């Protein structure tokens, strides 16, 4: 997933993976599963995590990312977190 051909160059010179792991989960999915599945996505190579305010799971996604950083699996500078904002 780190091939430059599968990434887009950002204005600051960093390369962000084009393919992101989407974190939407229906309301009936337990919050703990969001943490588990997001960790698994990072373990399998995803470095672009995509979320949205309306998914109401940003806290769980953050827990998963921090957990994988804490155990040394990934560095903060290797993760790209994108989100969508609600249009008012």
PDB file of N, CA and C in Angstrom:
ATOM      1  N   UNK A   1       0.805  -1.212   0.000  1.00  0.00           N
ATOM      2  CA  UNK A   1       0.000   0.000   0.000  1.00  0.00           C
ATOM      3  C   UNK A   1       0.837   1.260   0.000  1.00  0.00           C
ATOM      4  N   UNK A   2       2.137   1.158   0.159  1.00  0.00           N
ATOM      5  CA  UNK A   2       2.935   2.371   0.212  1.00  0.00           C
ATOM      6  C   UNK A   2       3.531   2.744  -1.138  1.00  0.00           C
ATOM      7  N   UNK A   3       3.147   2.056  -2.190  1.00  0.00           N
ATOM      8  CA  UNK A   3       3.635   2.380  -3.518  1.00  0.00           C
ATOM      9  C   UNK A   3       3.194   3.789  -3.899  1.00  0.00           C
ATOM     10  N   UNK A   4       4.114   4.554  -4.455  1.00  0.00           N
ATOM     11  CA  UNK A   4       3.800   5.930  -4.868  1.00  0.00           C
ATOM     12  C   UNK A   4       2.697   5.947  -5.937  1.00  0.00           C
ATOM     13  N   UNK A   5       2.522   4.841  -6.666  1.00  0.00           N
ATOM     14  CA  UNK A   5       1.486   4.779  -7.699  1.00  0.00           C
ATOM     15  C   UNK A   5       0.091   4.681  -7.097  1.00  0.00           C
ATOM     16  N   UNK A   6       0.006   4.306  -5.840  1.00  0.00           N
ATOM     17  CA  UNK A   6      -1.287   4.170  -5.177  1.00  0.00           C
ATOM     18  C   UNK A   6      -1.521   5.308  -4.188  1.00  0.00           C
ATOM     19  N   UNK A   7      -0.737   6.345  -4.308  1.00  0.00           N
ATOM     20  CA  UNK A   7      -0.819   7.476  -3.380  1.00  0.00           C
ATOM     21  C   UNK A   7      -1.023   8.768  -4.151  1.00  0.00           C
ATOM     22  N   UNK A   8      -1.447   9.775  -3.426  1.00  0.00           N
ATOM     23  CA  UNK A   8      -1.573  11.110  -3.983  1.00  0.00           C
ATOM     24  C   UNK A   8      -0.612  12.005  -3.206  1.00  0.00           C
ATOM     25  N   UNK A   9       0.090  12.880  -3.929  1.00  0.00           N
ATOM     26  CA  UNK A   9       1.017  13.789  -3.258  1.00  0.00           C
ATOM     27  C   UNK A   9       0.244  14.988  -2.714  1.00  0.00           C
ATOM     28  N   UNK A  10       0.455  15.272  -1.440  1.00  0.00           N
ATOM     29  CA  UNK A  10      -0.190  16.408  -0.792  1.00  0.00           C
ATOM     30  C   UNK A  10       0.659  17.661  -0.969  1.00  0.00           C
ATOM     31  N   UNK A  11       0.088  18.811  -0.663  1.00  0.00           N
ATOM     32  CA  UNK A  11       0.801  20.082  -0.825  1.00  0.00           C
ATOM     33  C   UNK A  11       2.092  20.152  -0.032  1.00  0.00           C
ATOM     34  N   UNK A  12       2.165  19.427   1.086  1.00  0.00           N
ATOM     35  CA  UNK A  12       3.368  19.472   1.921  1.00  0.00           C
ATOM     36  C   UNK A  12       4.418  18.444   1.507  1.00  0.00           C
ATOM     37  N   UNK A  13       4.165  17.714   0.421  1.00  0.00           N
ATOM     38  CA  UNK A  13       5.129  16.745  -0.072  1.00  0.00           C
ATOM     39  C   UNK A  13       4.926  15.322   0.426  1.00  0.00           C
ATOM     40  N   UNK A  14       4.045  15.131   1.390  1.00  0.00           N
ATOM     41  CA  UNK A  14       3.751  13.774   1.867  1.00  0.00           C
ATOM     42  C   UNK A  14       2.900  13.042   0.829  1.00  0.00           C
ATOM     43  N   UNK A  15       2.994  11.729   0.843  1.00  0.00           N
ATOM     44  CA  UNK A  15       2.190  10.898  -0.044  1.00  0.00           C
ATOM     45  C   UNK A  15       1.148  10.158   0.784  1.00  0.00           C
ATOM     46  N   UNK A  16      -0.129  10.397   0.476  1.00  0.00           N
ATOM     47  CA  UNK A  16      -1.233   9.769   1.203  1.00  0.00           C
ATOM     48  C   UNK A  16      -1.817   8.648   0.343  1.00  0.00           C
ATOM     49  N   UNK A  17      -2.028   7.470   0.932  1.00  0.00           N
ATOM     50  CA  UNK A  17      -2.663   6.392   0.168  1.00  0.00           C
ATOM     51  C   UNK A  17      -4.031   6.825  -0.361  1.00  0.00           C
ATOM     52  N   UNK A  18      -4.300   6.487  -1.609  1.00  0.00           N
ATOM     53  CA  UNK A  18      -5.586   6.822  -2.212  1.00  0.00           C
ATOM     54  C   UNK A  18      -6.697   5.984  -1.588  1.00  0.00           C
ATOM     55  N   UNK A  19      -6.401   4.727  -1.324  1.00  0.00           N
ATOM     56  CA  UNK A  19      -7.387   3.828  -0.743  1.00  0.00           C
ATOM     57  C   UNK A  19      -7.389   3.974   0.770  1.00  0.00           C
ATOM     58  N   UNK A  20      -8.543   4.336   1.311  1.00  0.00           N
ATOM     59  CA  UNK A  20      -8.669   4.494   2.756  1.00  0.00           C
ATOM     60  C   UNK A  20      -9.620   3.466   3.337  1.00  0.00           C
ATOM     61  N   UNK A  21      -9.404   3.136   4.602  1.00  0.00           N
ATOM     62  CA  UNK A  21     -10.301   2.221   5.305  1.00  0.00           C
ATOM     63  C   UNK A  21     -11.480   3.020   5.838  1.00  0.00           C
ATOM     64  N   UNK A  22     -12.680   2.708   5.374  1.00  0.00           N
ATOM     65  CA  UNK A  22     -13.888   3.399   5.821  1.00  0.00           C
ATOM     66  C   UNK A  22     -14.378   2.833   7.140  1.00  0.00           C
ATOM     67  N   UNK A  23     -14.718   3.709   8.068  1.00  0.00           N
ATOM     68  CA  UNK A  23     -15.051   3.272   9.423  1.00  0.00           C
ATOM     69  C   UNK A  23     -16.544   3.268   9.727  1.00  0.00           C
ATOM     70  N   UNK A  24     -17.392   3.462   8.715  1.00  0.00           N
ATOM     71  CA  UNK A  24     -18.828   3.431   8.997  1.00  0.00           C
ATOM     72  C   UNK A  24     -19.225   2.054   9.511  1.00  0.00           C
ATOM     73  N   UNK A  25     -20.043   2.035  10.542  1.00  0.00           N
ATOM     74  CA  UNK A  25     -20.623   0.797  11.067  1.00  0.00           C
ATOM     75  C   UNK A  25     -22.063   1.098  11.463  1.00  0.00           C
ATOM     76  N   UNK A  26     -22.996   0.229  11.110  1.00  0.00           N
ATOM     77  CA  UNK A  26     -24.392   0.441  11.496  1.00  0.00           C
ATOM     78  C   UNK A  26     -24.531   0.517  13.019  1.00  0.00           C
ATOM     79  N   UNK A  27     -25.567   1.177  13.505  1.00  0.00           N
ATOM     80  CA  UNK A  27     -25.750   1.359  14.952  1.00  0.00           C
ATOM     81  C   UNK A  27     -25.767   0.063  15.758  1.00  0.00           C
ATOM     82  N   UNK A  28     -26.192  -1.040  15.158  1.00  0.00           N
ATOM     83  CA  UNK A  28     -26.260  -2.295  15.912  1.00  0.00           C
ATOM     84  C   UNK A  28     -24.890  -2.948  16.124  1.00  0.00           C
ATOM     85  N   UNK A  29     -23.853  -2.446  15.460  1.00  0.00           N
ATOM     86  CA  UNK A  29     -22.500  -2.983  15.659  1.00  0.00           C
ATOM     87  C   UNK A  29     -21.944  -2.417  16.966  1.00  0.00           C
ATOM     88  N   UNK A  30     -21.507  -3.275  17.883  1.00  0.00           N
ATOM     89  CA  UNK A  30     -20.958  -2.790  19.163  1.00  0.00           C
ATOM     90  C   UNK A  30     -19.737  -1.895  18.948  1.00  0.00           C
ATOM     91  N   UNK A  31     -19.620  -0.874  19.778  1.00  0.00           N
ATOM     92  CA  UNK A  31     -18.489   0.065  19.678  1.00  0.00           C
ATOM     93  C   UNK A  31     -17.146  -0.661  19.761  1.00  0.00           C
ATOM     94  N   UNK A  32     -17.092  -1.703  20.581  1.00  0.00           N
ATOM     95  CA  UNK A  32     -15.839  -2.448  20.736  1.00  0.00           C
ATOM     96  C   UNK A  32     -15.400  -3.077  19.414  1.00  0.00           C
ATOM     97  N   UNK A  33     -16.346  -3.432  18.570  1.00  0.00           N
ATOM     98  CA  UNK A  33     -16.005  -4.016  17.262  1.00  0.00           C
ATOM     99  C   UNK A  33     -15.362  -2.974  16.358  1.00  0.00           C
ATOM    100  N   UNK A  34     -15.798  -1.723  16.469  1.00  0.00           N
ATOM    101  CA  UNK A  34     -15.193  -0.652  15.673  1.00  0.00           C
ATOM    102  C   UNK A  34     -13.712  -0.546  16.015  1.00  0.00           C
ATOM    103  N   UNK A  35     -13.391  -0.605  17.295  1.00  0.00           N
ATOM    104  CA  UNK A  35     -11.991  -0.555  17.731  1.00  0.00           C
ATOM    105  C   UNK A  35     -11.235  -1.752  17.160  1.00  0.00           C
ATOM    106  N   UNK A  36     -11.778  -2.940  17.329  1.00  0.00           N
ATOM    107  CA  UNK A  36     -11.112  -4.170  16.869  1.00  0.00           C
ATOM    108  C   UNK A  36     -10.868  -4.159  15.362  1.00  0.00           C
ATOM    109  N   UNK A  37     -11.882  -3.808  14.599  1.00  0.00           N
ATOM    110  CA  UNK A  37     -11.778  -3.844  13.142  1.00  0.00           C
ATOM    111  C   UNK A  37     -10.829  -2.763  12.635  1.00  0.00           C
ATOM    112  N   UNK A  38     -10.833  -1.591  13.260  1.00  0.00           N
ATOM    113  CA  UNK A  38      -9.910  -0.534  12.848  1.00  0.00           C
ATOM    114  C   UNK A  38      -8.473  -0.947  13.141  1.00  0.00           C
ATOM    115  N   UNK A  39      -8.235  -1.588  14.280  1.00  0.00           N
ATOM    116  CA  UNK A  39      -6.896  -2.113  14.580  1.00  0.00           C
ATOM    117  C   UNK A  39      -6.478  -3.126  13.522  1.00  0.00           C
ATOM    118  N   UNK A  40      -7.384  -4.006  13.161  1.00  0.00           N
ATOM    119  CA  UNK A  40      -7.094  -5.024  12.148  1.00  0.00           C
ATOM    120  C   UNK A  40      -6.752  -4.379  10.806  1.00  0.00           C
ATOM    121  N   UNK A  41      -7.476  -3.321  10.456  1.00  0.00           N
ATOM    122  CA  UNK A  41      -7.191  -2.611   9.205  1.00  0.00           C
ATOM    123  C   UNK A  41      -5.765  -2.061   9.214  1.00  0.00           C
ATOM    124  N   UNK A  42      -5.353  -1.486  10.335  1.00  0.00           N
ATOM    125  CA  UNK A  42      -3.987  -0.958  10.452  1.00  0.00           C
ATOM    126  C   UNK A  42      -2.978  -2.102  10.362  1.00  0.00           C
ATOM    127  N   UNK A  43      -3.273  -3.200  11.033  1.00  0.00           N
ATOM    128  CA  UNK A  43      -2.368  -4.357  11.011  1.00  0.00           C
ATOM    129  C   UNK A  43      -2.212  -4.943   9.610  1.00  0.00           C
ATOM    130  N   UNK A  44      -3.250  -4.842   8.791  1.00  0.00           N
ATOM    131  CA  UNK A  44      -3.172  -5.390   7.437  1.00  0.00           C
ATOM    132  C   UNK A  44      -2.599  -4.410   6.425  1.00  0.00           C
ATOM    133  N   UNK A  45      -2.259  -3.201   6.876  1.00  0.00           N
ATOM    134  CA  UNK A  45      -1.551  -2.278   5.998  1.00  0.00           C
ATOM    135  C   UNK A  45      -2.222  -0.966   5.689  1.00  0.00           C
ATOM    136  N   UNK A  46      -3.455  -0.779   6.111  1.00  0.00           N
ATOM    137  CA  UNK A  46      -4.100   0.509   5.854  1.00  0.00           C
ATOM    138  C   UNK A  46      -3.401   1.604   6.649  1.00  0.00           C
ATOM    139  N   UNK A  47      -3.115   2.711   5.980  1.00  0.00           N
ATOM    140  CA  UNK A  47      -2.524   3.872   6.641  1.00  0.00           C
ATOM    141  C   UNK A  47      -3.389   5.106   6.455  1.00  0.00           C
ATOM    142  N   UNK A  48      -4.439   4.986   5.671  1.00  0.00           N
ATOM    143  CA  UNK A  48      -5.414   6.055   5.462  1.00  0.00           C
ATOM    144  C   UNK A  48      -6.723   5.567   6.077  1.00  0.00           C
ATOM    145  N   UNK A  49      -7.155   6.246   7.126  1.00  0.00           N
ATOM    146  CA  UNK A  49      -8.381   5.900   7.832  1.00  0.00           C
ATOM    147  C   UNK A  49      -9.392   7.012   7.567  1.00  0.00           C
ATOM    148  N   UNK A  50     -10.566   6.648   7.057  1.00  0.00           N
ATOM    149  CA  UNK A  50     -11.585   7.631   6.707  1.00  0.00           C
ATOM    150  C   UNK A  50     -12.799   7.479   7.615  1.00  0.00           C
ATOM    151  N   UNK A  51     -13.248   8.589   8.166  1.00  0.00           N
ATOM    152  CA  UNK A  51     -14.376   8.584   9.089  1.00  0.00           C
ATOM    153  C   UNK A  51     -15.288   9.765   8.779  1.00  0.00           C
ATOM    154  N   UNK A  52     -16.253   9.983   9.648  1.00  0.00           N
ATOM    155  CA  UNK A  52     -17.152  11.128   9.518  1.00  0.00           C
ATOM    156  C   UNK A  52     -17.816  11.387  10.862  1.00  0.00           C
ATOM    157  N   UNK A  53     -18.104  12.637  11.124  1.00  0.00           N
ATOM    158  CA  UNK A  53     -18.774  13.022  12.362  1.00  0.00           C
ATOM    159  C   UNK A  53     -20.086  12.258  12.540  1.00  0.00           C
ATOM    160  N   UNK A  54     -20.831  12.109  11.458  1.00  0.00           N
ATOM    161  CA  UNK A  54     -22.141  11.458  11.555  1.00  0.00           C
ATOM    162  C   UNK A  54     -22.045   9.959  11.843  1.00  0.00           C
ATOM    163  N   UNK A  55     -20.876   9.348  11.696  1.00  0.00           N
ATOM    164  CA  UNK A  55     -20.718   7.927  12.033  1.00  0.00           C
ATOM    165  C   UNK A  55     -20.767   7.725  13.545  1.00  0.00           C
ATOM    166  N   UNK A  56     -20.492   8.784  14.299  1.00  0.00           N
ATOM    167  CA  UNK A  56     -20.520   8.747  15.763  1.00  0.00           C
ATOM    168  C   UNK A  56     -19.614   7.648  16.335  1.00  0.00           C
ATOM    169  N   UNK A  57     -18.455   7.464  15.700  1.00  0.00           N
ATOM    170  CA  UNK A  57     -17.508   6.481  16.220  1.00  0.00           C
ATOM    171  C   UNK A  57     -16.068   7.000  16.203  1.00  0.00           C
ATOM    172  N   UNK A  58     -15.922   8.311  16.118  1.00  0.00           N
ATOM    173  CA  UNK A  58     -14.581   8.891  16.055  1.00  0.00           C
ATOM    174  C   UNK A  58     -13.757   8.553  17.295  1.00  0.00           C
ATOM    175  N   UNK A  59     -14.399   8.474  18.450  1.00  0.00           N
ATOM    176  CA  UNK A  59     -13.685   8.121  19.675  1.00  0.00           C
ATOM    177  C   UNK A  59     -13.097   6.711  19.570  1.00  0.00           C
ATOM    178  N   UNK A  60     -13.879   5.774  19.078  1.00  0.00           N
ATOM    179  CA  UNK A  60     -13.415   4.391  18.961  1.00  0.00           C
ATOM    180  C   UNK A  60     -12.306   4.263  17.916  1.00  0.00           C
ATOM    181  N   UNK A  61     -12.438   4.977  16.819  1.00  0.00           N
ATOM    182  CA  UNK A  61     -11.396   4.958  15.791  1.00  0.00           C
ATOM    183  C   UNK A  61     -10.104   5.533  16.366  1.00  0.00           C
ATOM    184  N   UNK A  62     -10.223   6.624  17.122  1.00  0.00           N
ATOM    185  CA  UNK A  62      -9.050   7.212  17.775  1.00  0.00           C
ATOM    186  C   UNK A  62      -8.396   6.262  18.756  1.00  0.00           C
ATOM    187  N   UNK A  63      -9.205   5.527  19.514  1.00  0.00           N
ATOM    188  CA  UNK A  63      -8.659   4.530  20.447  1.00  0.00           C
ATOM    189  C   UNK A  63      -7.855   3.476  19.701  1.00  0.00           C
ATOM    190  N   UNK A  64      -8.378   3.021  18.578  1.00  0.00           N
ATOM    191  CA  UNK A  64      -7.680   2.005  17.789  1.00  0.00           C
ATOM    192  C   UNK A  64      -6.351   2.532  17.261  1.00  0.00           C
ATOM    193  N   UNK A  65      -6.360   3.741  16.724  1.00  0.00           N
ATOM    194  CA  UNK A  65      -5.126   4.326  16.191  1.00  0.00           C
ATOM    195  C   UNK A  65      -4.106   4.507  17.308  1.00  0.00           C
ATOM    196  N   UNK A  66      -4.534   5.068  18.438  1.00  0.00           N
ATOM    197  CA  UNK A  66      -3.607   5.269  19.565  1.00  0.00           C
ATOM    198  C   UNK A  66      -3.061   3.949  20.089  1.00  0.00           C
ATOM    199  N   UNK A  67      -3.885   2.925  20.101  1.00  0.00           N
ATOM    200  CA  UNK A  67      -3.448   1.608  20.562  1.00  0.00           C
ATOM    201  C   UNK A  67      -2.335   1.053  19.672  1.00  0.00           C
ATOM    202  N   UNK A  68      -2.503   1.182  18.356  1.00  0.00           N
ATOM    203  CA  UNK A  68      -1.489   0.663  17.434  1.00  0.00           C
ATOM    204  C   UNK A  68      -0.211   1.504  17.482  1.00  0.00           C
ATOM    205  N   UNK A  69      -0.328   2.779  17.827  1.00  0.00           N
ATOM    206  CA  UNK A  69       0.867   3.607  18.024  1.00  0.00           C
ATOM    207  C   UNK A  69       1.555   3.213  19.322  1.00  0.00           C
ATOM    208  N   UNK A  70       0.781   2.992  20.369  1.00  0.00           N
ATOM    209  CA  UNK A  70       1.336   2.656  21.685  1.00  0.00           C
ATOM    210  C   UNK A  70       2.082   1.328  21.663  1.00  0.00           C
ATOM    211  N   UNK A  71       1.595   0.373  20.885  1.00  0.00           N
ATOM    212  CA  UNK A  71       2.295  -0.915  20.842  1.00  0.00           C
ATOM    213  C   UNK A  71       3.430  -0.933  19.822  1.00  0.00           C
ATOM    214  N   UNK A  72       3.704   0.227  19.210  1.00  0.00           N
ATOM    215  CA  UNK A  72       4.839   0.359  18.302  1.00  0.00           C
ATOM    216  C   UNK A  72       4.605  -0.184  16.905  1.00  0.00           C
ATOM    217  N   UNK A  73       3.371  -0.535  16.592  1.00  0.00           N
ATOM    218  CA  UNK A  73       3.084  -1.112  15.279  1.00  0.00           C
ATOM    219  C   UNK A  73       3.158  -0.066  14.170  1.00  0.00           C
ATOM    220  N   UNK A  74       2.755   1.163  14.498  1.00  0.00           N
ATOM    221  CA  UNK A  74       2.714   2.231  13.502  1.00  0.00           C
ATOM    222  C   UNK A  74       3.100   3.542  14.171  1.00  0.00           C
ATOM    223  N   UNK A  75       3.677   4.452  13.388  1.00  0.00           N
ATOM    224  CA  UNK A  75       4.020   5.786  13.887  1.00  0.00           C
ATOM    225  C   UNK A  75       2.912   6.756  13.496  1.00  0.00           C
ATOM    226  N   UNK A  76       2.751   7.795  14.294  1.00  0.00           N
ATOM    227  CA  UNK A  76       1.717   8.796  14.019  1.00  0.00           C
ATOM    228  C   UNK A  76       1.902   9.410  12.638  1.00  0.00           C
ATOM    229  N   UNK A  77       3.133   9.662  12.254  1.00  0.00           N
ATOM    230  CA  UNK A  77       3.375  10.322  10.966  1.00  0.00           C
ATOM    231  C   UNK A  77       3.051   9.427   9.765  1.00  0.00           C
ATOM    232  N   UNK A  78       2.790   8.159  10.012  1.00  0.00           N
ATOM    233  CA  UNK A  78       2.436   7.242   8.923  1.00  0.00           C
ATOM    234  C   UNK A  78       0.930   7.108   8.720  1.00  0.00           C
ATOM    235  N   UNK A  79       0.146   7.667   9.631  1.00  0.00           N
ATOM    236  CA  UNK A  79      -1.317   7.547   9.563  1.00  0.00           C
ATOM    237  C   UNK A  79      -1.928   8.822   8.979  1.00  0.00           C
ATOM    238  N   UNK A  80      -2.839   8.643   8.049  1.00  0.00           N
ATOM    239  CA  UNK A  80      -3.616   9.749   7.487  1.00  0.00           C
ATOM    240  C   UNK A  80      -5.065   9.518   7.893  1.00  0.00           C
ATOM    241  N   UNK A  81      -5.611  10.448   8.667  1.00  0.00           N
ATOM    242  CA  UNK A  81      -6.994  10.357   9.129  1.00  0.00           C
ATOM    243  C   UNK A  81      -7.796  11.424   8.405  1.00  0.00           C
ATOM    244  N   UNK A  82      -8.796  11.004   7.660  1.00  0.00           N
ATOM    245  CA  UNK A  82      -9.655  11.962   6.971  1.00  0.00           C
ATOM    246  C   UNK A  82     -11.072  11.840   7.519  1.00  0.00           C
ATOM    247  N   UNK A  83     -11.805  12.937   7.447  1.00  0.00           N
ATOM    248  CA  UNK A  83     -13.162  12.955   7.957  1.00  0.00           C
ATOM    249  C   UNK A  83     -14.020  13.836   7.063  1.00  0.00           C
ATOM    250  N   UNK A  84     -15.283  13.767   7.286  1.00  0.00           N
ATOM    251  CA  UNK A  84     -16.226  14.607   6.564  1.00  0.00           C
ATOM    252  C   UNK A  84     -16.983  15.445   7.591  1.00  0.00           C
ATOM    253  N   UNK A  85     -17.327  16.653   7.209  1.00  0.00           N
ATOM    254  CA  UNK A  85     -18.063  17.514   8.131  1.00  0.00           C
ATOM    255  C   UNK A  85     -19.505  17.648   7.655  1.00  0.00           C
ATOM    256  N   UNK A  86     -20.359  17.908   8.603  1.00  0.00           N
ATOM    257  CA  UNK A  86     -21.779  18.055   8.318  1.00  0.00           C
ATOM    258  C   UNK A  86     -22.044  19.429   7.722  1.00  0.00           C
ATOM    259  N   UNK A  87     -22.743  19.453   6.623  1.00  0.00           N
ATOM    260  CA  UNK A  87     -23.123  20.724   6.008  1.00  0.00           C
ATOM    261  C   UNK A  87     -24.324  21.278   6.753  1.00  0.00           C
ATOM    262  N   UNK A  88     -24.217  22.518   7.161  1.00  0.00           N
ATOM    263  CA  UNK A  88     -25.299  23.145   7.930  1.00  0.00           C
ATOM    264  C   UNK A  88     -26.034  24.145   7.075  1.00  0.00           C
TER     265      UNK A  88
END
